[in-house]
Amino acid sequence: MRMSVNALIAAVALLMPSAVVAQDYEAASEMTALMTSYEARGWEGVGRLNIGFGGMCTGALIAPRLVLTAGHCLIDQRTGRDVNVRDVTFLAGWRNGRASASRKVRRAVVHPEYEYAGPEGPLSVANDLALLELESEIRLAHIQPFKTADRPRKGASVGVVSYAHDRQDSLSLQEVCHVLARRSGALVLSCDVDFGSSGAPIFADIDGEPQIVSVVSAKAMVQGRKVSLGTNLTKPLDDLMGMLASGDAVMNSGATEPRRLSVGGNNGLALSGGEGGAKFVRP
């Protein structure tokens, strides 16, 4: 069931004054730029997605030929049309003008329950996922795909590796941030994200290795605090894997009609806010 705007704002705002949340923010680590090959070691499977002319998101390798990102990254915000996947390039480990590996995208799928409502409409978060199939596999010893895992519990420590508009030439790592709440299939997080971070992998340390537990969908300010929203993962990702395998609703050359616009619906979070509330936007 979709949570109302006021209910979401109230739910997040109620978290803010608590000592637990204050401690979560104090414990969150600063963003660290991974400027050298040594600093970026182990994160080369995260890459920059160049989309068309000037568009950018973040994606992560989950198999030698598969990249996970946010669904809204594959929608032209000006027209509401699916982007032409031939104009999308995955730059694994992009750093200082060079990529550890570069691949064009052959096919892609956006989750069928993701609803795009235009640049000023409500945001659908829970199923804001897309899966990209590359033209060829990336099989290099230093570029390893990441495992995925179930959604973390409230209070769990997570981390984010991403690009953004003001740090688009190197990865940045926030090693520690926290899950503030779980709402309607989405995560509310204390992680620091910005424009270009859409689709960035949210990691948890599981059995001694980073595993992807969510993907960055939106950012916000609530009572002066930065928060971000992460997608649900396990079930939507299973859906996307099945769709790609069957060829169902696969994008391979761009859509000829605009994606259906939504003004409501029953999945995800409808997010906006007025004075004193929260304004959520796509990062």
Protein backbone atom coordinates (compact mmCIF):
# COMPACT_ATOMS: atom_id res chain seq x y z
CA MET A 1 0.00 0.00 0.00
CA ARG A 2 1.31 3.46 -0.88
CA MET A 3 2.17 5.63 2.12
CA SER A 4 0.74 9.14 1.95
CA VAL A 5 3.03 12.15 1.69
CA ASN A 6 2.12 13.44 5.15
CA ALA A 7 2.51 10.00 6.71
CA LEU A 8 5.97 9.56 5.27
CA ILE A 9 7.12 13.01 6.33
CA ALA A 10 5.76 12.40 9.83
CA ALA A 11 7.41 8.99 10.01
CA VAL A 12 10.81 10.35 9.02
CA ALA A 13 10.50 13.52 11.10
CA LEU A 14 9.65 11.52 14.20
CA LEU A 15 12.99 9.80 13.88
CA MET A 16 15.00 12.99 13.81
CA PRO A 17 14.88 14.16 17.45
CA SER A 18 15.68 10.77 18.94
CA ALA A 19 19.03 10.09 20.56
CA VAL A 20 19.39 6.97 18.45
CA VAL A 21 19.19 8.90 15.20
CA ALA A 22 21.51 11.61 16.52
CA GLN A 23 24.02 8.90 17.30
CA ASP A 24 23.52 7.42 13.83
CA TYR A 25 24.44 10.74 12.25
CA GLU A 26 27.40 11.26 14.55
CA ALA A 27 28.62 7.76 13.74
CA ALA A 28 28.25 8.19 9.98
CA SER A 29 31.58 8.50 8.23
CA GLU A 30 32.57 11.31 5.88
CA MET A 31 32.58 10.85 2.13
CA THR A 32 36.02 9.73 0.93
CA ALA A 33 37.19 10.20 -2.66
CA LEU A 34 38.90 7.09 -4.05
CA MET A 35 41.55 8.90 -6.06
CA THR A 36 44.23 6.22 -6.44
CA SER A 37 44.18 2.64 -7.67
CA TYR A 38 45.06 1.51 -4.15
CA GLU A 39 42.13 3.41 -2.59
CA ALA A 40 39.72 2.12 -5.26
CA ARG A 41 40.86 -1.49 -4.98
CA GLY A 42 37.89 -3.82 -4.56
CA TRP A 43 35.38 -1.23 -5.80
CA GLU A 44 36.18 -1.46 -9.52
CA GLY A 45 32.87 -3.25 -10.10
CA VAL A 46 31.09 0.04 -9.40
CA GLY A 47 31.05 2.28 -12.44
CA ARG A 48 29.70 5.43 -14.01
CA LEU A 49 26.82 5.12 -16.44
CA ASN A 50 27.02 7.64 -19.25
CA ILE A 51 23.51 8.07 -20.63
CA GLY A 52 22.93 9.81 -23.95
CA PHE A 53 24.33 13.30 -24.12
CA GLY A 54 25.35 14.42 -20.66
CA GLY A 55 23.24 12.11 -18.48
CA MET A 56 24.93 10.23 -15.67
CA CYS A 57 24.07 7.62 -13.04
CA THR A 58 25.96 5.05 -11.00
CA GLY A 59 25.73 1.29 -11.53
CA ALA A 60 27.29 -1.86 -10.13
CA LEU A 61 28.30 -5.15 -11.68
CA ILE A 62 26.40 -8.14 -10.22
CA ALA A 63 27.49 -10.65 -12.88
CA PRO A 64 30.16 -10.46 -15.61
CA ARG A 65 27.57 -9.10 -18.04
CA LEU A 66 24.92 -7.55 -15.74
CA VAL A 67 24.79 -4.08 -14.16
CA LEU A 68 22.27 -3.01 -11.52
CA THR A 69 21.05 0.59 -11.37
CA ALA A 70 17.92 2.68 -10.72
CA GLY A 71 14.96 2.40 -13.07
CA HIS A 72 14.55 6.15 -13.47
CA CYS A 73 18.07 6.33 -14.93
CA LEU A 74 16.69 4.76 -18.12
CA ILE A 75 13.92 7.31 -18.59
CA ASP A 76 14.49 10.58 -20.40
CA GLN A 77 13.30 13.13 -17.85
CA ARG A 78 12.39 15.63 -20.60
CA THR A 79 10.13 13.36 -22.66
CA GLY A 80 9.13 10.47 -20.39
CA ARG A 81 10.42 8.06 -23.02
CA ASP A 82 12.73 5.14 -22.33
CA VAL A 83 16.26 6.03 -23.34
CA ASN A 84 17.90 4.24 -26.24
CA VAL A 85 20.09 1.69 -24.49
CA ARG A 86 22.59 1.93 -27.32
CA ASP A 87 23.40 5.36 -25.94
CA VAL A 88 24.28 3.96 -22.49
CA THR A 89 27.86 3.05 -21.56
CA PHE A 90 29.10 1.41 -18.35
CA LEU A 91 32.52 2.65 -17.28
CA ALA A 92 33.70 0.24 -14.60
CA GLY A 93 35.95 1.85 -11.99
CA TRP A 94 35.96 5.20 -13.82
CA ARG A 95 38.69 7.33 -12.26
CA ASN A 96 40.61 10.39 -13.44
CA GLY A 97 39.48 10.06 -17.06
CA ARG A 98 40.05 6.32 -17.42
CA ALA A 99 37.91 3.24 -16.92
CA SER A 100 39.09 -0.18 -15.80
CA ALA A 101 36.71 -1.53 -18.44
CA SER A 102 34.16 0.06 -20.76
CA ARG A 103 31.12 -1.67 -22.26
CA LYS A 104 28.10 -0.53 -24.24
CA VAL A 105 24.69 -1.79 -23.13
CA ARG A 106 22.99 -4.40 -25.32
CA ARG A 107 19.64 -4.80 -23.55
CA ALA A 108 17.94 -3.52 -20.40
CA VAL A 109 14.80 -4.02 -18.33
CA VAL A 110 13.07 -1.60 -15.95
CA HIS A 111 10.85 -3.13 -13.29
CA PRO A 112 7.26 -3.25 -14.62
CA GLU A 113 5.82 -1.87 -11.37
CA TYR A 114 8.05 1.19 -11.41
CA GLU A 115 5.92 4.23 -12.22
CA TYR A 116 7.43 7.36 -13.70
CA ALA A 117 5.38 10.46 -12.92
CA GLY A 118 7.42 13.13 -14.65
CA PRO A 119 10.01 15.51 -13.18
CA GLU A 120 7.48 17.23 -10.89
CA GLY A 121 5.37 14.21 -9.97
CA PRO A 122 5.44 11.87 -6.97
CA LEU A 123 8.34 9.47 -6.73
CA SER A 124 7.93 5.72 -6.86
CA VAL A 125 10.77 4.13 -4.91
CA ALA A 126 10.20 0.49 -3.98
CA ASN A 127 10.63 -0.87 -7.53
CA ASP A 128 12.94 1.81 -8.92
CA LEU A 129 15.33 -0.76 -10.38
CA ALA A 130 16.79 -1.58 -13.77
CA LEU A 131 19.06 -4.35 -14.99
CA LEU A 132 21.46 -3.78 -17.87
CA GLU A 133 22.96 -6.49 -20.05
CA LEU A 134 26.33 -5.47 -21.46
CA GLU A 135 27.46 -6.20 -25.02
CA SER A 136 30.18 -8.47 -23.67
CA GLU A 137 31.29 -9.80 -20.30
CA ILE A 138 33.79 -8.07 -18.07
CA ARG A 139 36.18 -10.75 -16.97
CA LEU A 140 39.20 -9.12 -15.37
CA ALA A 141 40.77 -10.31 -12.16
CA HIS A 142 40.57 -6.90 -10.50
CA ILE A 143 36.91 -6.27 -11.46
CA GLN A 144 34.68 -8.62 -9.52
CA PRO A 145 30.85 -8.60 -9.53
CA PHE A 146 29.14 -8.03 -6.20
CA LYS A 147 26.76 -10.41 -4.49
CA THR A 148 23.32 -9.19 -3.46
CA ALA A 149 21.54 -9.78 -0.16
CA ASP A 150 18.24 -9.17 1.63
CA ARG A 151 17.09 -5.77 2.84
CA PRO A 152 18.85 -4.76 6.09
CA ARG A 153 17.01 -4.15 9.35
CA LYS A 154 16.35 -0.74 10.91
CA GLY A 155 19.51 0.53 12.63
CA ALA A 156 21.86 -1.52 10.46
CA SER A 157 25.13 -0.02 9.29
CA VAL A 158 25.51 0.24 5.52
CA GLY A 159 27.75 2.09 3.07
CA VAL A 160 27.46 3.72 -0.35
CA VAL A 161 29.89 3.90 -3.28
CA SER A 162 28.89 6.44 -5.89
CA TYR A 163 29.62 9.18 -8.37
CA ALA A 164 27.88 12.58 -8.34
CA HIS A 165 27.76 15.78 -10.38
CA ASP A 166 30.55 17.41 -8.34
CA ARG A 167 32.69 14.25 -8.14
CA GLN A 168 32.01 12.64 -11.48
CA ASP A 169 35.62 11.70 -12.22
CA SER A 170 36.22 9.43 -9.25
CA LEU A 171 34.29 7.13 -6.98
CA SER A 172 33.48 8.25 -3.46
CA LEU A 173 32.92 5.95 -0.52
CA GLN A 174 30.81 6.62 2.55
CA GLU A 175 31.85 3.63 4.57
CA VAL A 176 29.30 3.98 7.36
CA CYS A 177 25.73 5.32 7.36
CA HIS A 178 22.58 3.83 8.81
CA VAL A 179 19.11 2.55 8.04
CA LEU A 180 16.76 4.99 9.81
CA ALA A 181 13.53 3.27 8.80
CA ARG A 182 11.95 0.75 6.46
CA ARG A 183 8.82 2.09 4.80
CA SER A 184 6.62 0.58 2.07
CA GLY A 185 9.37 -1.49 0.53
CA ALA A 186 11.94 1.32 0.70
CA LEU A 187 14.77 2.23 3.06
CA VAL A 188 15.19 5.66 4.67
CA LEU A 189 18.94 6.17 5.17
CA SER A 190 21.37 8.65 6.66
CA CYS A 191 23.65 8.20 3.63
CA ASP A 192 25.01 11.23 1.76
CA VAL A 193 24.03 11.21 -1.93
CA ASP A 194 23.73 13.84 -4.65
CA PHE A 195 22.83 14.24 -8.32
CA GLY A 196 24.54 11.43 -10.25
CA SER A 197 24.31 9.01 -7.32
CA SER A 198 21.07 7.50 -8.65
CA GLY A 199 21.51 3.76 -8.99
CA ALA A 200 24.49 3.66 -6.64
CA PRO A 201 24.85 0.41 -4.71
CA ILE A 202 24.12 0.41 -0.98
CA PHE A 203 26.32 -2.19 0.71
CA ALA A 204 26.23 -4.15 3.93
CA ASP A 205 29.14 -6.13 5.32
CA ILE A 206 27.96 -9.74 5.18
CA ASP A 207 30.31 -12.61 6.00
CA GLY A 208 33.24 -10.25 5.69
CA GLU A 209 32.48 -8.91 2.22
CA PRO A 210 30.41 -6.02 0.84
CA GLN A 211 27.10 -7.18 -0.61
CA ILE A 212 24.49 -4.99 -2.29
CA VAL A 213 21.31 -4.65 -0.22
CA SER A 214 19.65 -1.70 -1.97
CA VAL A 215 20.08 0.94 -4.69
CA VAL A 216 19.92 4.74 -4.30
CA SER A 217 16.64 6.17 -5.59
CA ALA A 218 16.15 9.66 -4.07
CA LYS A 219 17.51 12.22 -1.64
CA ALA A 220 15.92 14.71 0.74
CA MET A 221 16.36 17.18 3.56
CA VAL A 222 14.19 16.59 6.63
CA GLN A 223 14.48 19.13 9.45
CA GLY A 224 17.91 20.12 8.22
CA ARG A 225 19.16 16.55 8.02
CA LYS A 226 20.16 14.85 4.78
CA VAL A 227 18.44 11.55 4.14
CA SER A 228 18.33 9.26 1.15
CA LEU A 229 15.94 6.58 -0.05
CA GLY A 230 16.95 3.13 -1.20
CA THR A 231 14.90 0.65 -3.19
CA ASN A 232 13.68 -2.77 -2.25
CA LEU A 233 15.93 -5.35 -3.86
CA THR A 234 15.44 -9.11 -3.57
CA LYS A 235 12.00 -9.65 -5.13
CA PRO A 236 12.25 -6.84 -7.74
CA LEU A 237 15.69 -8.08 -8.79
CA ASP A 238 14.39 -11.63 -9.17
CA ASP A 239 11.62 -10.21 -11.37
CA LEU A 240 14.14 -8.38 -13.56
CA MET A 241 16.36 -11.44 -13.94
CA GLY A 242 13.35 -13.44 -15.11
CA MET A 243 12.29 -10.74 -17.55
CA LEU A 244 15.75 -10.50 -19.06
CA ALA A 245 15.98 -14.27 -19.43
CA SER A 246 12.58 -14.48 -21.13
CA GLY A 247 12.96 -11.34 -23.22
CA ASP A 248 9.82 -9.86 -21.67
CA ALA A 249 9.59 -6.03 -21.93
CA VAL A 250 13.28 -5.78 -22.83
CA MET A 251 14.55 -2.42 -24.06
CA ASN A 252 17.02 -2.75 -26.91
CA SER A 253 16.61 0.30 -29.10
CA GLY A 254 14.59 2.85 -27.14
CA ALA A 255 10.84 3.23 -26.77
CA THR A 256 8.62 4.69 -29.48
CA GLU A 257 5.99 5.86 -26.99
CA PRO A 258 6.37 7.71 -23.68
CA ARG A 259 6.37 5.53 -20.58
CA ARG A 260 2.96 5.58 -18.87
CA LEU A 261 2.88 8.48 -16.47
CA SER A 262 1.57 7.92 -12.96
CA VAL A 263 -0.29 10.24 -10.65
CA GLY A 264 -0.94 7.62 -8.01
CA GLY A 265 -0.69 3.85 -7.93
CA ASN A 266 -0.16 1.27 -5.26
CA ASN A 267 3.56 0.71 -5.13
CA GLY A 268 6.47 2.66 -3.75
CA LEU A 269 6.34 5.97 -1.92
CA ALA A 270 4.64 9.09 -3.21
CA LEU A 271 6.97 11.77 -1.97
CA SER A 272 6.77 15.52 -1.94
CA GLY A 273 6.32 18.13 0.69
CA GLY A 274 5.48 21.69 1.45
CA GLU A 275 6.67 24.14 4.04
CA GLY A 276 8.20 22.41 7.04
CA GLY A 277 8.10 19.03 5.33
CA ALA A 278 10.46 17.11 3.11
CA LYS A 279 11.11 17.49 -0.59
CA PHE A 280 12.43 14.31 -2.17
CA VAL A 281 14.20 14.52 -5.51
CA ARG A 282 16.04 12.15 -7.77
CA PRO A 283 19.78 12.26 -7.14
